[in-house]
Amino acid sequence: MKRSPMKRSVSQLARSPIKRKGKKGKAYDNDFTDEVKSQVRHRASGYCEIPGCMSTIVVFHHIRRRTQGGDGSVGNCLGLCPAHHDYIHANPAESYDRGWLRHGWGV
């Protein structure tokens, strides 16, 4: 794999809006309160909210990204397994079509 000639400084990494905890990256620093997470787990019966997936919820995902004005409400949150969270961000066109991501400028 080719590396970029540009080097990241420590200050650039420190400004990242999402901070992973631990090597497995299974917990994210985000603005969902424990109450919102509890309501999302209850809504999904503890399972990933992608239809047909029976993995447990590990990641809480913003439907409307924080950079586009998304908040930490229950309506803007999906409870996902790590595989589906990665899939959503790797396939944004499909994710917007399916409603797993939403643009900040419209409904």
PDB file of N, CA and C in Angstrom:
ATOM      1  N   MET A   1       0.842  -1.174   0.000  1.00  0.00           N
ATOM      2  CA  MET A   1       0.000   0.000   0.000  1.00  0.00           C
ATOM      3  C   MET A   1       0.887   1.236   0.000  1.00  0.00           C
ATOM      4  N   LYS A   2       0.606   2.168  -0.902  1.00  0.00           N
ATOM      5  CA  LYS A   2       1.386   3.394  -0.996  1.00  0.00           C
ATOM      6  C   LYS A   2       0.980   4.369   0.086  1.00  0.00           C
ATOM      7  N   ARG A   3       1.924   5.006   0.668  1.00  0.00           N
ATOM      8  CA  ARG A   3       1.663   6.007   1.696  1.00  0.00           C
ATOM      9  C   ARG A   3       1.709   7.401   1.085  1.00  0.00           C
ATOM     10  N   SER A   4       0.926   8.262   1.611  1.00  0.00           N
ATOM     11  CA  SER A   4       0.922   9.647   1.179  1.00  0.00           C
ATOM     12  C   SER A   4       2.206  10.321   1.660  1.00  0.00           C
ATOM     13  N   PRO A   5       2.771  11.205   0.836  1.00  0.00           N
ATOM     14  CA  PRO A   5       3.985  11.890   1.278  1.00  0.00           C
ATOM     15  C   PRO A   5       3.719  12.900   2.383  1.00  0.00           C
ATOM     16  N   MET A   6       2.446  13.253   2.576  1.00  0.00           N
ATOM     17  CA  MET A   6       2.095  14.218   3.604  1.00  0.00           C
ATOM     18  C   MET A   6       2.088  13.548   4.973  1.00  0.00           C
ATOM     19  N   LYS A   7       2.677  14.179   5.946  1.00  0.00           N
ATOM     20  CA  LYS A   7       2.688  13.625   7.297  1.00  0.00           C
ATOM     21  C   LYS A   7       1.676  14.362   8.146  1.00  0.00           C
ATOM     22  N   ARG A   8       0.969  13.628   8.964  1.00  0.00           N
ATOM     23  CA  ARG A   8       0.005  14.241   9.879  1.00  0.00           C
ATOM     24  C   ARG A   8       0.709  14.656  11.155  1.00  0.00           C
ATOM     25  N   SER A   9       0.396  15.830  11.602  1.00  0.00           N
ATOM     26  CA  SER A   9       0.951  16.264  12.874  1.00  0.00           C
ATOM     27  C   SER A   9       0.017  15.828  13.990  1.00  0.00           C
ATOM     28  N   VAL A  10       0.518  15.830  15.196  1.00  0.00           N
ATOM     29  CA  VAL A  10      -0.283  15.440  16.352  1.00  0.00           C
ATOM     30  C   VAL A  10      -1.476  16.369  16.501  1.00  0.00           C
ATOM     31  N   SER A  11      -1.306  17.661  16.218  1.00  0.00           N
ATOM     32  CA  SER A  11      -2.404  18.611  16.377  1.00  0.00           C
ATOM     33  C   SER A  11      -3.547  18.316  15.396  1.00  0.00           C
ATOM     34  N   GLN A  12      -3.246  17.826  14.187  1.00  0.00           N
ATOM     35  CA  GLN A  12      -4.297  17.478  13.239  1.00  0.00           C
ATOM     36  C   GLN A  12      -5.114  16.293  13.748  1.00  0.00           C
ATOM     37  N   LEU A  13      -4.449  15.319  14.319  1.00  0.00           N
ATOM     38  CA  LEU A  13      -5.145  14.144  14.823  1.00  0.00           C
ATOM     39  C   LEU A  13      -5.991  14.484  16.041  1.00  0.00           C
ATOM     40  N   ALA A  14      -5.539  15.413  16.855  1.00  0.00           N
ATOM     41  CA  ALA A  14      -6.256  15.771  18.078  1.00  0.00           C
ATOM     42  C   ALA A  14      -7.574  16.477  17.777  1.00  0.00           C
ATOM     43  N   ARG A  15      -7.729  17.072  16.587  1.00  0.00           N
ATOM     44  CA  ARG A  15      -8.942  17.798  16.252  1.00  0.00           C
ATOM     45  C   ARG A  15     -10.031  16.909  15.664  1.00  0.00           C
ATOM     46  N   SER A  16      -9.768  15.652  15.503  1.00  0.00           N
ATOM     47  CA  SER A  16     -10.739  14.734  14.926  1.00  0.00           C
ATOM     48  C   SER A  16     -12.017  14.716  15.761  1.00  0.00           C
ATOM     49  N   PRO A  17     -13.216  14.845  15.115  1.00  0.00           N
ATOM     50  CA  PRO A  17     -14.461  14.898  15.881  1.00  0.00           C
ATOM     51  C   PRO A  17     -14.874  13.562  16.489  1.00  0.00           C
ATOM     52  N   ILE A  18     -14.399  12.461  15.938  1.00  0.00           N
ATOM     53  CA  ILE A  18     -14.754  11.145  16.463  1.00  0.00           C
ATOM     54  C   ILE A  18     -13.493  10.514  17.014  1.00  0.00           C
ATOM     55  N   LYS A  19     -13.544  10.113  18.266  1.00  0.00           N
ATOM     56  CA  LYS A  19     -12.384   9.504  18.893  1.00  0.00           C
ATOM     57  C   LYS A  19     -12.721   8.068  19.259  1.00  0.00           C
ATOM     58  N   ARG A  20     -11.895   7.149  18.801  1.00  0.00           N
ATOM     59  CA  ARG A  20     -12.111   5.740  19.123  1.00  0.00           C
ATOM     60  C   ARG A  20     -11.487   5.432  20.477  1.00  0.00           C
ATOM     61  N   LYS A  21     -12.107   4.503  21.175  1.00  0.00           N
ATOM     62  CA  LYS A  21     -11.582   4.058  22.464  1.00  0.00           C
ATOM     63  C   LYS A  21     -11.089   2.633  22.292  1.00  0.00           C
ATOM     64  N   GLY A  22      -9.868   2.390  22.628  1.00  0.00           N
ATOM     65  CA  GLY A  22      -9.336   1.040  22.549  1.00  0.00           C
ATOM     66  C   GLY A  22      -8.961   0.659  21.131  1.00  0.00           C
ATOM     67  N   LYS A  23      -8.275  -0.469  20.983  1.00  0.00           N
ATOM     68  CA  LYS A  23      -7.808  -0.915  19.681  1.00  0.00           C
ATOM     69  C   LYS A  23      -8.930  -1.441  18.800  1.00  0.00           C
ATOM     70  N   LYS A  24      -9.951  -1.999  19.379  1.00  0.00           N
ATOM     71  CA  LYS A  24     -11.028  -2.588  18.590  1.00  0.00           C
ATOM     72  C   LYS A  24     -11.948  -1.533  18.010  1.00  0.00           C
ATOM     73  N   GLY A  25     -11.907  -0.318  18.523  1.00  0.00           N
ATOM     74  CA  GLY A  25     -12.721   0.759  17.989  1.00  0.00           C
ATOM     75  C   GLY A  25     -14.207   0.542  18.176  1.00  0.00           C
ATOM     76  N   LYS A  26     -14.584  -0.200  19.206  1.00  0.00           N
ATOM     77  CA  LYS A  26     -16.007  -0.527  19.345  1.00  0.00           C
ATOM     78  C   LYS A  26     -16.809   0.531  20.089  1.00  0.00           C
ATOM     79  N   ALA A  27     -16.167   1.515  20.640  1.00  0.00           N
ATOM     80  CA  ALA A  27     -16.904   2.584  21.311  1.00  0.00           C
ATOM     81  C   ALA A  27     -16.441   3.916  20.765  1.00  0.00           C
ATOM     82  N   TYR A  28     -17.361   4.768  20.429  1.00  0.00           N
ATOM     83  CA  TYR A  28     -17.043   6.066  19.859  1.00  0.00           C
ATOM     84  C   TYR A  28     -17.450   7.162  20.825  1.00  0.00           C
ATOM     85  N   ASP A  29     -16.665   8.215  20.853  1.00  0.00           N
ATOM     86  CA  ASP A  29     -17.027   9.424  21.574  1.00  0.00           C
ATOM     87  C   ASP A  29     -18.019  10.162  20.693  1.00  0.00           C
ATOM     88  N   ASN A  30     -19.231  10.347  21.130  1.00  0.00           N
ATOM     89  CA  ASN A  30     -20.185  11.117  20.349  1.00  0.00           C
ATOM     90  C   ASN A  30     -21.162  11.814  21.283  1.00  0.00           C
ATOM     91  N   ASP A  31     -22.113  12.499  20.697  1.00  0.00           N
ATOM     92  CA  ASP A  31     -23.001  13.312  21.520  1.00  0.00           C
ATOM     93  C   ASP A  31     -24.321  12.619  21.855  1.00  0.00           C
ATOM     94  N   PHE A  32     -24.405  11.311  21.717  1.00  0.00           N
ATOM     95  CA  PHE A  32     -25.616  10.596  22.138  1.00  0.00           C
ATOM     96  C   PHE A  32     -25.553  10.352  23.641  1.00  0.00           C
ATOM     97  N   THR A  33     -26.580  10.795  24.350  1.00  0.00           N
ATOM     98  CA  THR A  33     -26.622  10.584  25.794  1.00  0.00           C
ATOM     99  C   THR A  33     -26.949   9.130  26.097  1.00  0.00           C
ATOM    100  N   ASP A  34     -26.749   8.741  27.341  1.00  0.00           N
ATOM    101  CA  ASP A  34     -27.091   7.373  27.748  1.00  0.00           C
ATOM    102  C   ASP A  34     -28.589   7.122  27.575  1.00  0.00           C
ATOM    103  N   GLU A  35     -29.410   8.151  27.793  1.00  0.00           N
ATOM    104  CA  GLU A  35     -30.859   8.019  27.626  1.00  0.00           C
ATOM    105  C   GLU A  35     -31.222   7.747  26.167  1.00  0.00           C
ATOM    106  N   VAL A  36     -30.603   8.457  25.244  1.00  0.00           N
ATOM    107  CA  VAL A  36     -30.856   8.246  23.810  1.00  0.00           C
ATOM    108  C   VAL A  36     -30.413   6.840  23.420  1.00  0.00           C
ATOM    109  N   LYS A  37     -29.234   6.429  23.859  1.00  0.00           N
ATOM    110  CA  LYS A  37     -28.738   5.087  23.541  1.00  0.00           C
ATOM    111  C   LYS A  37     -29.684   4.018  24.079  1.00  0.00           C
ATOM    112  N   SER A  38     -30.196   4.224  25.283  1.00  0.00           N
ATOM    113  CA  SER A  38     -31.137   3.279  25.880  1.00  0.00           C
ATOM    114  C   SER A  38     -32.418   3.182  25.057  1.00  0.00           C
ATOM    115  N   GLN A  39     -32.938   4.334  24.617  1.00  0.00           N
ATOM    116  CA  GLN A  39     -34.165   4.339  23.808  1.00  0.00           C
ATOM    117  C   GLN A  39     -33.945   3.664  22.455  1.00  0.00           C
ATOM    118  N   VAL A  40     -32.780   3.883  21.855  1.00  0.00           N
ATOM    119  CA  VAL A  40     -32.477   3.247  20.563  1.00  0.00           C
ATOM    120  C   VAL A  40     -32.340   1.739  20.743  1.00  0.00           C
ATOM    121  N   ARG A  41     -31.666   1.311  21.809  1.00  0.00           N
ATOM    122  CA  ARG A  41     -31.557  -0.140  22.081  1.00  0.00           C
ATOM    123  C   ARG A  41     -32.946  -0.758  22.266  1.00  0.00           C
ATOM    124  N   HIS A  42     -33.817  -0.068  22.983  1.00  0.00           N
ATOM    125  CA  HIS A  42     -35.173  -0.562  23.219  1.00  0.00           C
ATOM    126  C   HIS A  42     -35.942  -0.630  21.900  1.00  0.00           C
ATOM    127  N   ARG A  43     -35.848   0.423  21.081  1.00  0.00           N
ATOM    128  CA  ARG A  43     -36.531   0.467  19.783  1.00  0.00           C
ATOM    129  C   ARG A  43     -36.106  -0.708  18.897  1.00  0.00           C
ATOM    130  N   ALA A  44     -34.828  -1.072  18.956  1.00  0.00           N
ATOM    131  CA  ALA A  44     -34.285  -2.123  18.094  1.00  0.00           C
ATOM    132  C   ALA A  44     -34.183  -3.476  18.786  1.00  0.00           C
ATOM    133  N   SER A  45     -34.705  -3.585  19.983  1.00  0.00           N
ATOM    134  CA  SER A  45     -34.614  -4.820  20.778  1.00  0.00           C
ATOM    135  C   SER A  45     -33.168  -5.267  20.968  1.00  0.00           C
ATOM    136  N   GLY A  46     -32.236  -4.318  20.937  1.00  0.00           N
ATOM    137  CA  GLY A  46     -30.834  -4.630  21.177  1.00  0.00           C
ATOM    138  C   GLY A  46     -30.049  -5.093  19.963  1.00  0.00           C
ATOM    139  N   TYR A  47     -30.728  -5.225  18.812  1.00  0.00           N
ATOM    140  CA  TYR A  47     -30.074  -5.730  17.606  1.00  0.00           C
ATOM    141  C   TYR A  47     -29.824  -4.615  16.600  1.00  0.00           C
ATOM    142  N   CYS A  48     -28.821  -4.815  15.755  1.00  0.00           N
ATOM    143  CA  CYS A  48     -28.494  -3.892  14.675  1.00  0.00           C
ATOM    144  C   CYS A  48     -29.768  -3.548  13.900  1.00  0.00           C
ATOM    145  N   GLU A  49     -29.929  -2.269  13.564  1.00  0.00           N
ATOM    146  CA  GLU A  49     -31.160  -1.819  12.920  1.00  0.00           C
ATOM    147  C   GLU A  49     -31.180  -1.999  11.398  1.00  0.00           C
ATOM    148  N   ILE A  50     -30.184  -2.649  10.840  1.00  0.00           N
ATOM    149  CA  ILE A  50     -30.214  -2.975   9.416  1.00  0.00           C
ATOM    150  C   ILE A  50     -31.065  -4.240   9.265  1.00  0.00           C
ATOM    151  N   PRO A  51     -32.080  -4.199   8.401  1.00  0.00           N
ATOM    152  CA  PRO A  51     -32.987  -5.350   8.263  1.00  0.00           C
ATOM    153  C   PRO A  51     -32.237  -6.662   7.991  1.00  0.00           C
ATOM    154  N   GLY A  52     -32.582  -7.678   8.768  1.00  0.00           N
ATOM    155  CA  GLY A  52     -32.008  -9.008   8.607  1.00  0.00           C
ATOM    156  C   GLY A  52     -30.771  -9.268   9.443  1.00  0.00           C
ATOM    157  N   CYS A  53     -30.187  -8.243  10.047  1.00  0.00           N
ATOM    158  CA  CYS A  53     -28.975  -8.426  10.850  1.00  0.00           C
ATOM    159  C   CYS A  53     -29.370  -8.757  12.291  1.00  0.00           C
ATOM    160  N   MET A  54     -28.769  -9.785  12.840  1.00  0.00           N
ATOM    161  CA  MET A  54     -29.068 -10.189  14.211  1.00  0.00           C
ATOM    162  C   MET A  54     -27.882  -9.957  15.155  1.00  0.00           C
ATOM    163  N   SER A  55     -26.941  -9.108  14.739  1.00  0.00           N
ATOM    164  CA  SER A  55     -25.815  -8.738  15.607  1.00  0.00           C
ATOM    165  C   SER A  55     -26.289  -7.703  16.617  1.00  0.00           C
ATOM    166  N   THR A  56     -25.634  -7.657  17.754  1.00  0.00           N
ATOM    167  CA  THR A  56     -26.026  -6.696  18.784  1.00  0.00           C
ATOM    168  C   THR A  56     -25.514  -5.295  18.439  1.00  0.00           C
ATOM    169  N   ILE A  57     -26.171  -4.303  18.992  1.00  0.00           N
ATOM    170  CA  ILE A  57     -25.786  -2.912  18.775  1.00  0.00           C
ATOM    171  C   ILE A  57     -24.484  -2.630  19.521  1.00  0.00           C
ATOM    172  N   VAL A  58     -23.524  -2.072  18.799  1.00  0.00           N
ATOM    173  CA  VAL A  58     -22.252  -1.674  19.385  1.00  0.00           C
ATOM    174  C   VAL A  58     -21.983  -0.199  19.093  1.00  0.00           C
ATOM    175  N   VAL A  59     -22.408   0.279  17.922  1.00  0.00           N
ATOM    176  CA  VAL A  59     -22.110   1.637  17.467  1.00  0.00           C
ATOM    177  C   VAL A  59     -23.415   2.418  17.312  1.00  0.00           C
ATOM    178  N   PHE A  60     -23.391   3.664  17.734  1.00  0.00           N
ATOM    179  CA  PHE A  60     -24.540   4.555  17.555  1.00  0.00           C
ATOM    180  C   PHE A  60     -24.172   5.559  16.469  1.00  0.00           C
ATOM    181  N   HIS A  61     -24.935   5.526  15.383  1.00  0.00           N
ATOM    182  CA  HIS A  61     -24.610   6.226  14.140  1.00  0.00           C
ATOM    183  C   HIS A  61     -25.530   7.419  13.924  1.00  0.00           C
ATOM    184  N   HIS A  62     -24.954   8.547  13.519  1.00  0.00           N
ATOM    185  CA  HIS A  62     -25.732   9.733  13.162  1.00  0.00           C
ATOM    186  C   HIS A  62     -26.271   9.583  11.740  1.00  0.00           C
ATOM    187  N   ILE A  63     -27.575   9.676  11.576  1.00  0.00           N
ATOM    188  CA  ILE A  63     -28.174   9.622  10.239  1.00  0.00           C
ATOM    189  C   ILE A  63     -27.815  10.904   9.489  1.00  0.00           C
ATOM    190  N   ARG A  64     -28.049  12.036  10.092  1.00  0.00           N
ATOM    191  CA  ARG A  64     -27.576  13.309   9.549  1.00  0.00           C
ATOM    192  C   ARG A  64     -26.277  13.607  10.277  1.00  0.00           C
ATOM    193  N   ARG A  65     -25.209  13.678   9.510  1.00  0.00           N
ATOM    194  CA  ARG A  65     -23.884  13.835  10.105  1.00  0.00           C
ATOM    195  C   ARG A  65     -23.787  15.107  10.930  1.00  0.00           C
ATOM    196  N   ARG A  66     -22.980  15.046  11.969  1.00  0.00           N
ATOM    197  CA  ARG A  66     -22.791  16.217  12.839  1.00  0.00           C
ATOM    198  C   ARG A  66     -22.252  17.400  12.054  1.00  0.00           C
ATOM    199  N   THR A  67     -21.405  17.141  11.066  1.00  0.00           N
ATOM    200  CA  THR A  67     -20.851  18.223  10.252  1.00  0.00           C
ATOM    201  C   THR A  67     -21.912  18.891   9.388  1.00  0.00           C
ATOM    202  N   GLN A  68     -23.083  18.240   9.239  1.00  0.00           N
ATOM    203  CA  GLN A  68     -24.177  18.789   8.436  1.00  0.00           C
ATOM    204  C   GLN A  68     -25.360  19.177   9.315  1.00  0.00           C
ATOM    205  N   GLY A  69     -25.108  19.379  10.588  1.00  0.00           N
ATOM    206  CA  GLY A  69     -26.148  19.851  11.495  1.00  0.00           C
ATOM    207  C   GLY A  69     -26.907  18.769  12.238  1.00  0.00           C
ATOM    208  N   GLY A  70     -26.457  17.527  12.169  1.00  0.00           N
ATOM    209  CA  GLY A  70     -27.120  16.438  12.884  1.00  0.00           C
ATOM    210  C   GLY A  70     -26.943  16.573  14.387  1.00  0.00           C
ATOM    211  N   ASP A  71     -27.962  16.190  15.124  1.00  0.00           N
ATOM    212  CA  ASP A  71     -27.905  16.300  16.584  1.00  0.00           C
ATOM    213  C   ASP A  71     -27.850  14.924  17.234  1.00  0.00           C
ATOM    214  N   GLY A  72     -27.930  14.909  18.542  1.00  0.00           N
ATOM    215  CA  GLY A  72     -27.848  13.667  19.304  1.00  0.00           C
ATOM    216  C   GLY A  72     -29.206  13.136  19.718  1.00  0.00           C
ATOM    217  N   SER A  73     -30.222  13.312  18.880  1.00  0.00           N
ATOM    218  CA  SER A  73     -31.580  12.874  19.220  1.00  0.00           C
ATOM    219  C   SER A  73     -31.826  11.421  18.809  1.00  0.00           C
ATOM    220  N   VAL A  74     -32.875  10.838  19.359  1.00  0.00           N
ATOM    221  CA  VAL A  74     -33.259   9.463  19.032  1.00  0.00           C
ATOM    222  C   VAL A  74     -33.591   9.345  17.543  1.00  0.00           C
ATOM    223  N   GLY A  75     -34.245  10.347  16.989  1.00  0.00           N
ATOM    224  CA  GLY A  75     -34.616  10.320  15.581  1.00  0.00           C
ATOM    225  C   GLY A  75     -33.444  10.414  14.628  1.00  0.00           C
ATOM    226  N   ASN A  76     -32.296  10.845  15.112  1.00  0.00           N
ATOM    227  CA  ASN A  76     -31.108  10.964  14.268  1.00  0.00           C
ATOM    228  C   ASN A  76     -30.100   9.854  14.563  1.00  0.00           C
ATOM    229  N   CYS A  77     -30.533   8.831  15.246  1.00  0.00           N
ATOM    230  CA  CYS A  77     -29.618   7.781  15.696  1.00  0.00           C
ATOM    231  C   CYS A  77     -30.037   6.410  15.170  1.00  0.00           C
ATOM    232  N   LEU A  78     -29.058   5.653  14.680  1.00  0.00           N
ATOM    233  CA  LEU A  78     -29.252   4.247  14.346  1.00  0.00           C
ATOM    234  C   LEU A  78     -28.317   3.427  15.223  1.00  0.00           C
ATOM    235  N   GLY A  79     -28.819   2.338  15.779  1.00  0.00           N
ATOM    236  CA  GLY A  79     -27.983   1.409  16.518  1.00  0.00           C
ATOM    237  C   GLY A  79     -27.494   0.348  15.543  1.00  0.00           C
ATOM    238  N   LEU A  80     -26.185   0.205  15.423  1.00  0.00           N
ATOM    239  CA  LEU A  80     -25.614  -0.676  14.404  1.00  0.00           C
ATOM    240  C   LEU A  80     -24.536  -1.593  14.965  1.00  0.00           C
ATOM    241  N   CYS A  81     -24.296  -2.673  14.231  1.00  0.00           N
ATOM    242  CA  CYS A  81     -23.120  -3.502  14.490  1.00  0.00           C
ATOM    243  C   CYS A  81     -21.944  -2.822  13.775  1.00  0.00           C
ATOM    244  N   PRO A  82     -20.711  -3.113  14.160  1.00  0.00           N
ATOM    245  CA  PRO A  82     -19.558  -2.462  13.518  1.00  0.00           C
ATOM    246  C   PRO A  82     -19.484  -2.700  12.005  1.00  0.00           C
ATOM    247  N   ALA A  83     -19.843  -3.894  11.559  1.00  0.00           N
ATOM    248  CA  ALA A  83     -19.764  -4.197  10.125  1.00  0.00           C
ATOM    249  C   ALA A  83     -20.705  -3.317   9.316  1.00  0.00           C
ATOM    250  N   HIS A  84     -21.933  -3.138   9.797  1.00  0.00           N
ATOM    251  CA  HIS A  84     -22.875  -2.298   9.059  1.00  0.00           C
ATOM    252  C   HIS A  84     -22.517  -0.815   9.168  1.00  0.00           C
ATOM    253  N   HIS A  85     -21.959  -0.389  10.286  1.00  0.00           N
ATOM    254  CA  HIS A  85     -21.518   0.992  10.406  1.00  0.00           C
ATOM    255  C   HIS A  85     -20.427   1.276   9.367  1.00  0.00           C
ATOM    256  N   ASP A  86     -19.474   0.370   9.247  1.00  0.00           N
ATOM    257  CA  ASP A  86     -18.420   0.527   8.244  1.00  0.00           C
ATOM    258  C   ASP A  86     -19.008   0.498   6.833  1.00  0.00           C
ATOM    259  N   TYR A  87     -19.977  -0.386   6.604  1.00  0.00           N
ATOM    260  CA  TYR A  87     -20.616  -0.499   5.282  1.00  0.00           C
ATOM    261  C   TYR A  87     -21.308   0.802   4.894  1.00  0.00           C
ATOM    262  N   ILE A  88     -22.017   1.403   5.826  1.00  0.00           N
ATOM    263  CA  ILE A  88     -22.735   2.653   5.554  1.00  0.00           C
ATOM    264  C   ILE A  88     -21.767   3.738   5.101  1.00  0.00           C
ATOM    265  N   HIS A  89     -20.646   3.869   5.785  1.00  0.00           N
ATOM    266  CA  HIS A  89     -19.693   4.918   5.422  1.00  0.00           C
ATOM    267  C   HIS A  89     -18.883   4.568   4.178  1.00  0.00           C
ATOM    268  N   ALA A  90     -18.745   3.293   3.874  1.00  0.00           N
ATOM    269  CA  ALA A  90     -18.029   2.874   2.664  1.00  0.00           C
ATOM    270  C   ALA A  90     -18.911   2.980   1.417  1.00  0.00           C
ATOM    271  N   ASN A  91     -20.234   3.033   1.599  1.00  0.00           N
ATOM    272  CA  ASN A  91     -21.184   3.065   0.483  1.00  0.00           C
ATOM    273  C   ASN A  91     -22.194   4.194   0.665  1.00  0.00           C
ATOM    274  N   PRO A  92     -21.739   5.448   0.618  1.00  0.00           N
ATOM    275  CA  PRO A  92     -22.641   6.562   0.918  1.00  0.00           C
ATOM    276  C   PRO A  92     -23.816   6.705  -0.040  1.00  0.00           C
ATOM    277  N   ALA A  93     -23.640   6.432  -1.337  1.00  0.00           N
ATOM    278  CA  ALA A  93     -24.749   6.591  -2.285  1.00  0.00           C
ATOM    279  C   ALA A  93     -25.914   5.668  -1.905  1.00  0.00           C
ATOM    280  N   GLU A  94     -25.624   4.414  -1.641  1.00  0.00           N
ATOM    281  CA  GLU A  94     -26.672   3.473  -1.222  1.00  0.00           C
ATOM    282  C   GLU A  94     -27.255   3.874   0.129  1.00  0.00           C
ATOM    283  N   SER A  95     -26.391   4.329   1.028  1.00  0.00           N
ATOM    284  CA  SER A  95     -26.843   4.709   2.371  1.00  0.00           C
ATOM    285  C   SER A  95     -27.796   5.896   2.331  1.00  0.00           C
ATOM    286  N   TYR A  96     -27.543   6.871   1.461  1.00  0.00           N
ATOM    287  CA  TYR A  96     -28.473   7.997   1.298  1.00  0.00           C
ATOM    288  C   TYR A  96     -29.797   7.502   0.709  1.00  0.00           C
ATOM    289  N   ASP A  97     -29.723   6.598  -0.274  1.00  0.00           N
ATOM    290  CA  ASP A  97     -30.947   6.051  -0.884  1.00  0.00           C
ATOM    291  C   ASP A  97     -31.803   5.305   0.129  1.00  0.00           C
ATOM    292  N   ARG A  98     -31.171   4.576   1.012  1.00  0.00           N
ATOM    293  CA  ARG A  98     -31.899   3.768   1.997  1.00  0.00           C
ATOM    294  C   ARG A  98     -32.268   4.532   3.269  1.00  0.00           C
ATOM    295  N   GLY A  99     -31.791   5.761   3.400  1.00  0.00           N
ATOM    296  CA  GLY A  99     -32.125   6.569   4.566  1.00  0.00           C
ATOM    297  C   GLY A  99     -31.217   6.351   5.761  1.00  0.00           C
ATOM    298  N   TRP A 100     -30.105   5.647   5.560  1.00  0.00           N
ATOM    299  CA  TRP A 100     -29.166   5.425   6.652  1.00  0.00           C
ATOM    300  C   TRP A 100     -28.282   6.646   6.855  1.00  0.00           C
ATOM    301  N   LEU A 101     -28.184   7.463   5.826  1.00  0.00           N
ATOM    302  CA  LEU A 101     -27.540   8.776   5.892  1.00  0.00           C
ATOM    303  C   LEU A 101     -28.542   9.777   5.314  1.00  0.00           C
ATOM    304  N   ARG A 102     -28.476  11.005   5.803  1.00  0.00           N
ATOM    305  CA  ARG A 102     -29.375  12.052   5.308  1.00  0.00           C
ATOM    306  C   ARG A 102     -28.574  13.329   5.159  1.00  0.00           C
ATOM    307  N   HIS A 103     -28.777  14.020   4.024  1.00  0.00           N
ATOM    308  CA  HIS A 103     -28.079  15.279   3.793  1.00  0.00           C
ATOM    309  C   HIS A 103     -28.580  16.346   4.753  1.00  0.00           C
ATOM    310  N   GLY A 104     -27.718  17.285   5.076  1.00  0.00           N
ATOM    311  CA  GLY A 104     -28.058  18.349   5.994  1.00  0.00           C
ATOM    312  C   GLY A 104     -28.943  19.427   5.398  1.00  0.00           C
ATOM    313  N   TRP A 105     -29.070  19.451   4.070  1.00  0.00           N
ATOM    314  CA  TRP A 105     -29.828  20.537   3.433  1.00  0.00           C
ATOM    315  C   TRP A 105     -31.252  20.158   3.083  1.00  0.00           C
ATOM    316  N   GLY A 106     -31.701  18.973   3.394  1.00  0.00           N
ATOM    317  CA  GLY A 106     -33.087  18.617   3.075  1.00  0.00           C
ATOM    318  C   GLY A 106     -33.540  17.378   3.805  1.00  0.00           C
ATOM    319  N   VAL A 107     -34.783  17.052   3.614  1.00  0.00           N
ATOM    320  CA  VAL A 107     -35.368  15.883   4.291  1.00  0.00           C
ATOM    321  C   VAL A 107     -35.233  14.654   3.440  1.00  0.00           C
TER     322      VAL A 107
END
